[in-house]
Amino acid sequence: MNATPTKDHAKASATPRSASRSAARLSAVQALYQMDMTGIDASDVVAEFEKHRLGDIAKSIGAPEADRALFEDIVLGVVREQQAIDPVLDAHLADGWRLARVDSILRAILRSAAFELALRDDIPAKAVINEYVDIAHAYFGPDEPKVVNGILDQLARSRRAHEFERKSDE
């Protein structure tokens, strides 16, 4: 599996802030994948991305500059909270599947999204789900994004049920 998306992830109509956040999420998934493949330390990969991959390089290829604070929060947060995140994700996988058996990119997507759903209440759950489903579409065919959507929807509804309750005036 290549850690380079096969499709353009950034949406043409995205606002500068949302494009910056999308770039941060994509970069975080790539950083977590790199850590998984190489065993590099989280602080080292964050420093490498901030020095070489975010900002100037993004601009040189016409991509939005990543929200560095969100990027760092996701990468370091996933590492810090991984022992809590992984069992929750395992519980939402199909019977007989464990996160360790899942493709590395898919695992990075799920961990990043689970971190945001659990610890970033300032970001709406539906936005988190949509962003990571889009990232899954950038790397995979039609099946994996459906898996990501299903798992994240279940996780969001269990963690943030209040965001999914119908309003009485609707």
C-alpha atoms as a PDB file:
ATOM      1  CA  MET A   1       0.000   0.000   0.000  1.00  0.00           C
ATOM      2  CA  ASN A   2       1.324   3.390  -1.011  1.00  0.00           C
ATOM      3  CA  ALA A   3       0.928   6.272   1.435  1.00  0.00           C
ATOM      4  CA  THR A   4       0.230   8.705  -1.390  1.00  0.00           C
ATOM      5  CA  PRO A   5      -3.441   9.283  -2.152  1.00  0.00           C
ATOM      6  CA  THR A   6      -4.541   8.258  -5.629  1.00  0.00           C
ATOM      7  CA  LYS A   7      -7.182  10.971  -5.890  1.00  0.00           C
ATOM      8  CA  ASP A   8      -7.217  14.680  -5.087  1.00  0.00           C
ATOM      9  CA  HIS A   9      -8.389  14.958  -1.484  1.00  0.00           C
ATOM     10  CA  ALA A  10      -8.921  18.732  -1.250  1.00  0.00           C
ATOM     11  CA  LYS A  11     -12.315  19.955  -2.356  1.00  0.00           C
ATOM     12  CA  ALA A  12     -12.316  22.822  -4.849  1.00  0.00           C
ATOM     13  CA  SER A  13     -15.125  24.611  -3.001  1.00  0.00           C
ATOM     14  CA  ALA A  14     -13.570  24.262   0.451  1.00  0.00           C
ATOM     15  CA  THR A  15     -12.946  27.362   2.510  1.00  0.00           C
ATOM     16  CA  PRO A  16      -9.298  28.135   3.311  1.00  0.00           C
ATOM     17  CA  ARG A  17      -9.808  27.012   6.939  1.00  0.00           C
ATOM     18  CA  SER A  18     -11.550  23.758   6.009  1.00  0.00           C
ATOM     19  CA  ALA A  19      -8.952  23.057   3.301  1.00  0.00           C
ATOM     20  CA  SER A  20      -6.208  23.649   5.868  1.00  0.00           C
ATOM     21  CA  ARG A  21      -7.896  21.252   8.290  1.00  0.00           C
ATOM     22  CA  SER A  22      -8.393  18.669   5.532  1.00  0.00           C
ATOM     23  CA  ALA A  23      -4.689  18.929   4.689  1.00  0.00           C
ATOM     24  CA  ALA A  24      -3.836  18.489   8.389  1.00  0.00           C
ATOM     25  CA  ARG A  25      -5.940  15.316   8.610  1.00  0.00           C
ATOM     26  CA  LEU A  26      -4.454  13.858   5.443  1.00  0.00           C
ATOM     27  CA  SER A  27      -0.943  14.676   6.660  1.00  0.00           C
ATOM     28  CA  ALA A  28      -1.686  13.131  10.057  1.00  0.00           C
ATOM     29  CA  VAL A  29      -2.837   9.904   8.400  1.00  0.00           C
ATOM     30  CA  GLN A  30       0.351   9.876   6.323  1.00  0.00           C
ATOM     31  CA  ALA A  31       2.501  10.540   9.408  1.00  0.00           C
ATOM     32  CA  LEU A  32       0.817   7.751  11.375  1.00  0.00           C
ATOM     33  CA  TYR A  33       1.300   5.411   8.415  1.00  0.00           C
ATOM     34  CA  GLN A  34       4.994   6.355   8.283  1.00  0.00           C
ATOM     35  CA  MET A  35       5.344   5.700  12.006  1.00  0.00           C
ATOM     36  CA  ASP A  36       3.646   2.315  11.602  1.00  0.00           C
ATOM     37  CA  MET A  37       5.919   1.313   8.709  1.00  0.00           C
ATOM     38  CA  THR A  38       9.235   2.624  10.057  1.00  0.00           C
ATOM     39  CA  GLY A  39       8.887   2.724  13.838  1.00  0.00           C
ATOM     40  CA  ILE A  40       9.902   6.402  13.861  1.00  0.00           C
ATOM     41  CA  ASP A  41       9.034   8.302  17.055  1.00  0.00           C
ATOM     42  CA  ALA A  42       5.983  10.588  17.021  1.00  0.00           C
ATOM     43  CA  SER A  43       7.923  13.743  17.876  1.00  0.00           C
ATOM     44  CA  ASP A  44      10.436  12.962  15.120  1.00  0.00           C
ATOM     45  CA  VAL A  45       7.767  12.415  12.477  1.00  0.00           C
ATOM     46  CA  VAL A  46       5.948  15.602  13.528  1.00  0.00           C
ATOM     47  CA  ALA A  47       9.208  17.558  13.251  1.00  0.00           C
ATOM     48  CA  GLU A  48       9.956  15.977   9.860  1.00  0.00           C
ATOM     49  CA  PHE A  49       6.511  16.801   8.504  1.00  0.00           C
ATOM     50  CA  GLU A  50       6.626  20.352   9.817  1.00  0.00           C
ATOM     51  CA  LYS A  51      10.089  20.920   8.332  1.00  0.00           C
ATOM     52  CA  HIS A  52       9.730  19.157   4.993  1.00  0.00           C
ATOM     53  CA  ARG A  53       6.138  18.355   4.086  1.00  0.00           C
ATOM     54  CA  LEU A  54       3.797  20.992   5.446  1.00  0.00           C
ATOM     55  CA  GLY A  55       3.680  24.556   4.222  1.00  0.00           C
ATOM     56  CA  ASP A  56       6.247  25.251   1.492  1.00  0.00           C
ATOM     57  CA  ILE A  57       6.062  21.856  -0.193  1.00  0.00           C
ATOM     58  CA  ALA A  58       2.262  21.914  -0.048  1.00  0.00           C
ATOM     59  CA  LYS A  59       2.288  25.336  -1.674  1.00  0.00           C
ATOM     60  CA  SER A  60       4.752  24.176  -4.352  1.00  0.00           C
ATOM     61  CA  ILE A  61       2.319  21.491  -5.511  1.00  0.00           C
ATOM     62  CA  GLY A  62      -0.739  23.711  -5.195  1.00  0.00           C
ATOM     63  CA  ALA A  63      -2.099  22.029  -2.064  1.00  0.00           C
ATOM     64  CA  PRO A  64      -3.433  24.021   0.892  1.00  0.00           C
ATOM     65  CA  GLU A  65      -1.103  24.573   3.810  1.00  0.00           C
ATOM     66  CA  ALA A  66      -2.025  22.241   6.650  1.00  0.00           C
ATOM     67  CA  ASP A  67      -3.325  23.482   9.989  1.00  0.00           C
ATOM     68  CA  ARG A  68      -0.158  22.639  11.913  1.00  0.00           C
ATOM     69  CA  ALA A  69      -1.803  22.705  15.339  1.00  0.00           C
ATOM     70  CA  LEU A  70      -4.504  20.230  14.265  1.00  0.00           C
ATOM     71  CA  PHE A  71      -1.910  18.021  12.538  1.00  0.00           C
ATOM     72  CA  GLU A  72       0.233  17.867  15.667  1.00  0.00           C
ATOM     73  CA  ASP A  73      -2.775  17.345  17.941  1.00  0.00           C
ATOM     74  CA  ILE A  74      -3.991  14.385  15.884  1.00  0.00           C
ATOM     75  CA  VAL A  75      -0.605  12.660  15.545  1.00  0.00           C
ATOM     76  CA  LEU A  76       0.484  13.125  19.149  1.00  0.00           C
ATOM     77  CA  GLY A  77      -3.044  12.518  20.431  1.00  0.00           C
ATOM     78  CA  VAL A  78      -3.390   9.209  18.592  1.00  0.00           C
ATOM     79  CA  VAL A  79      -0.070   8.039  20.013  1.00  0.00           C
ATOM     80  CA  ARG A  80      -0.963   9.232  23.521  1.00  0.00           C
ATOM     81  CA  GLU A  81      -4.469   7.717  23.447  1.00  0.00           C
ATOM     82  CA  GLN A  82      -3.786   4.603  21.355  1.00  0.00           C
ATOM     83  CA  GLN A  83      -4.260   2.177  24.232  1.00  0.00           C
ATOM     84  CA  ALA A  84      -7.756   3.575  24.753  1.00  0.00           C
ATOM     85  CA  ILE A  85      -8.594   4.001  21.051  1.00  0.00           C
ATOM     86  CA  ASP A  86      -7.616   0.572  19.726  1.00  0.00           C
ATOM     87  CA  PRO A  87      -9.958  -1.537  21.894  1.00  0.00           C
ATOM     88  CA  VAL A  88     -12.867   0.753  20.983  1.00  0.00           C
ATOM     89  CA  LEU A  89     -12.094   0.330  17.290  1.00  0.00           C
ATOM     90  CA  ASP A  90     -11.677  -3.434  17.735  1.00  0.00           C
ATOM     91  CA  ALA A  91     -15.179  -3.552  19.222  1.00  0.00           C
ATOM     92  CA  HIS A  92     -16.594  -1.847  16.109  1.00  0.00           C
ATOM     93  CA  LEU A  93     -14.862  -4.090  13.560  1.00  0.00           C
ATOM     94  CA  ALA A  94     -16.566  -7.124  12.040  1.00  0.00           C
ATOM     95  CA  ASP A  95     -16.540 -10.307  14.113  1.00  0.00           C
ATOM     96  CA  GLY A  96     -13.153 -11.975  14.048  1.00  0.00           C
ATOM     97  CA  TRP A  97     -11.311  -8.830  12.935  1.00  0.00           C
ATOM     98  CA  ARG A  98      -8.827  -6.883  15.009  1.00  0.00           C
ATOM     99  CA  LEU A  99      -7.282  -3.534  14.205  1.00  0.00           C
ATOM    100  CA  ALA A 100      -3.858  -5.171  13.893  1.00  0.00           C
ATOM    101  CA  ARG A 101      -5.159  -7.101  10.829  1.00  0.00           C
ATOM    102  CA  VAL A 102      -6.411  -3.968   9.067  1.00  0.00           C
ATOM    103  CA  ASP A 103      -4.388  -2.254   6.306  1.00  0.00           C
ATOM    104  CA  SER A 104      -1.952   0.315   7.765  1.00  0.00           C
ATOM    105  CA  ILE A 105      -3.500   3.309   5.992  1.00  0.00           C
ATOM    106  CA  LEU A 106      -6.987   2.219   7.018  1.00  0.00           C
ATOM    107  CA  ARG A 107      -5.763   1.776  10.600  1.00  0.00           C
ATOM    108  CA  ALA A 108      -4.289   5.315  10.559  1.00  0.00           C
ATOM    109  CA  ILE A 109      -7.574   6.712   9.227  1.00  0.00           C
ATOM    110  CA  LEU A 110      -9.642   4.960  11.882  1.00  0.00           C
ATOM    111  CA  ARG A 111      -7.315   5.919  14.738  1.00  0.00           C
ATOM    112  CA  SER A 112      -7.205   9.572  13.669  1.00  0.00           C
ATOM    113  CA  ALA A 113     -10.969   9.790  13.372  1.00  0.00           C
ATOM    114  CA  ALA A 114     -11.525   7.959  16.651  1.00  0.00           C
ATOM    115  CA  PHE A 115      -9.196  10.404  18.386  1.00  0.00           C
ATOM    116  CA  GLU A 116     -11.111  13.383  17.011  1.00  0.00           C
ATOM    117  CA  LEU A 117     -14.481  11.873  17.884  1.00  0.00           C
ATOM    118  CA  ALA A 118     -13.361  11.125  21.428  1.00  0.00           C
ATOM    119  CA  LEU A 119     -11.357  14.223  22.265  1.00  0.00           C
ATOM    120  CA  ARG A 120     -12.169  17.032  19.831  1.00  0.00           C
ATOM    121  CA  ASP A 121     -15.715  18.017  20.784  1.00  0.00           C
ATOM    122  CA  ASP A 122     -15.099  21.364  19.092  1.00  0.00           C
ATOM    123  CA  ILE A 123     -15.361  19.609  15.716  1.00  0.00           C
ATOM    124  CA  PRO A 124     -18.790  18.224  14.743  1.00  0.00           C
ATOM    125  CA  ALA A 125     -18.925  14.437  14.493  1.00  0.00           C
ATOM    126  CA  LYS A 126     -20.444  14.539  11.001  1.00  0.00           C
ATOM    127  CA  ALA A 127     -17.566  16.716   9.803  1.00  0.00           C
ATOM    128  CA  VAL A 128     -15.036  14.252  11.226  1.00  0.00           C
ATOM    129  CA  ILE A 129     -16.791  11.318   9.558  1.00  0.00           C
ATOM    130  CA  ASN A 130     -17.016  13.088   6.186  1.00  0.00           C
ATOM    131  CA  GLU A 131     -13.364  14.122   6.260  1.00  0.00           C
ATOM    132  CA  TYR A 132     -12.044  10.640   6.992  1.00  0.00           C
ATOM    133  CA  VAL A 133     -14.391   8.968   4.507  1.00  0.00           C
ATOM    134  CA  ASP A 134     -12.986  11.396   1.914  1.00  0.00           C
ATOM    135  CA  ILE A 135      -9.446  10.400   2.894  1.00  0.00           C
ATOM    136  CA  ALA A 136     -10.408   6.723   2.559  1.00  0.00           C
ATOM    137  CA  HIS A 137     -11.721   7.478  -0.955  1.00  0.00           C
ATOM    138  CA  ALA A 138      -8.330   9.026  -1.796  1.00  0.00           C
ATOM    139  CA  TYR A 139      -6.547   5.741  -1.037  1.00  0.00           C
ATOM    140  CA  PHE A 140      -9.042   2.974  -1.700  1.00  0.00           C
ATOM    141  CA  GLY A 141     -11.777   1.748  -3.981  1.00  0.00           C
ATOM    142  CA  PRO A 142     -15.430   1.760  -2.927  1.00  0.00           C
ATOM    143  CA  ASP A 143     -15.363  -0.877  -0.180  1.00  0.00           C
ATOM    144  CA  GLU A 144     -12.997   0.593   2.410  1.00  0.00           C
ATOM    145  CA  PRO A 145     -14.678   4.031   2.542  1.00  0.00           C
ATOM    146  CA  LYS A 146     -17.957   2.226   3.293  1.00  0.00           C
ATOM    147  CA  VAL A 147     -16.241   0.380   6.142  1.00  0.00           C
ATOM    148  CA  VAL A 148     -14.796   3.649   7.465  1.00  0.00           C
ATOM    149  CA  ASN A 149     -18.207   5.317   7.258  1.00  0.00           C
ATOM    150  CA  GLY A 150     -19.942   2.454   9.068  1.00  0.00           C
ATOM    151  CA  ILE A 151     -17.408   2.212  11.875  1.00  0.00           C
ATOM    152  CA  LEU A 152     -17.175   5.960  12.403  1.00  0.00           C
ATOM    153  CA  ASP A 153     -20.945   6.399  12.322  1.00  0.00           C
ATOM    154  CA  GLN A 154     -21.372   3.751  15.043  1.00  0.00           C
ATOM    155  CA  LEU A 155     -18.539   5.227  17.078  1.00  0.00           C
ATOM    156  CA  ALA A 156     -19.877   8.776  16.755  1.00  0.00           C
ATOM    157  CA  ARG A 157     -23.402   7.743  17.699  1.00  0.00           C
ATOM    158  CA  SER A 158     -22.111   5.994  20.814  1.00  0.00           C
ATOM    159  CA  ARG A 159     -19.697   8.791  21.816  1.00  0.00           C
ATOM    160  CA  ARG A 160     -21.751  11.809  20.742  1.00  0.00           C
ATOM    161  CA  ALA A 161     -25.353  10.672  20.689  1.00  0.00           C
ATOM    162  CA  HIS A 162     -26.528  14.228  21.403  1.00  0.00           C
ATOM    163  CA  GLU A 163     -25.280  15.323  17.969  1.00  0.00           C
ATOM    164  CA  PHE A 164     -27.511  12.780  16.254  1.00  0.00           C
ATOM    165  CA  GLU A 165     -30.739  13.340  18.196  1.00  0.00           C
ATOM    166  CA  ARG A 166     -33.549  14.818  16.142  1.00  0.00           C
ATOM    167  CA  LYS A 167     -34.639  18.228  17.234  1.00  0.00           C
ATOM    168  CA  SER A 168     -38.321  18.414  18.216  1.00  0.00           C
ATOM    169  CA  ASP A 169     -38.906  21.313  15.800  1.00  0.00           C
ATOM    170  CA  GLU A 170     -37.647  19.416  12.720  1.00  0.00           C
END
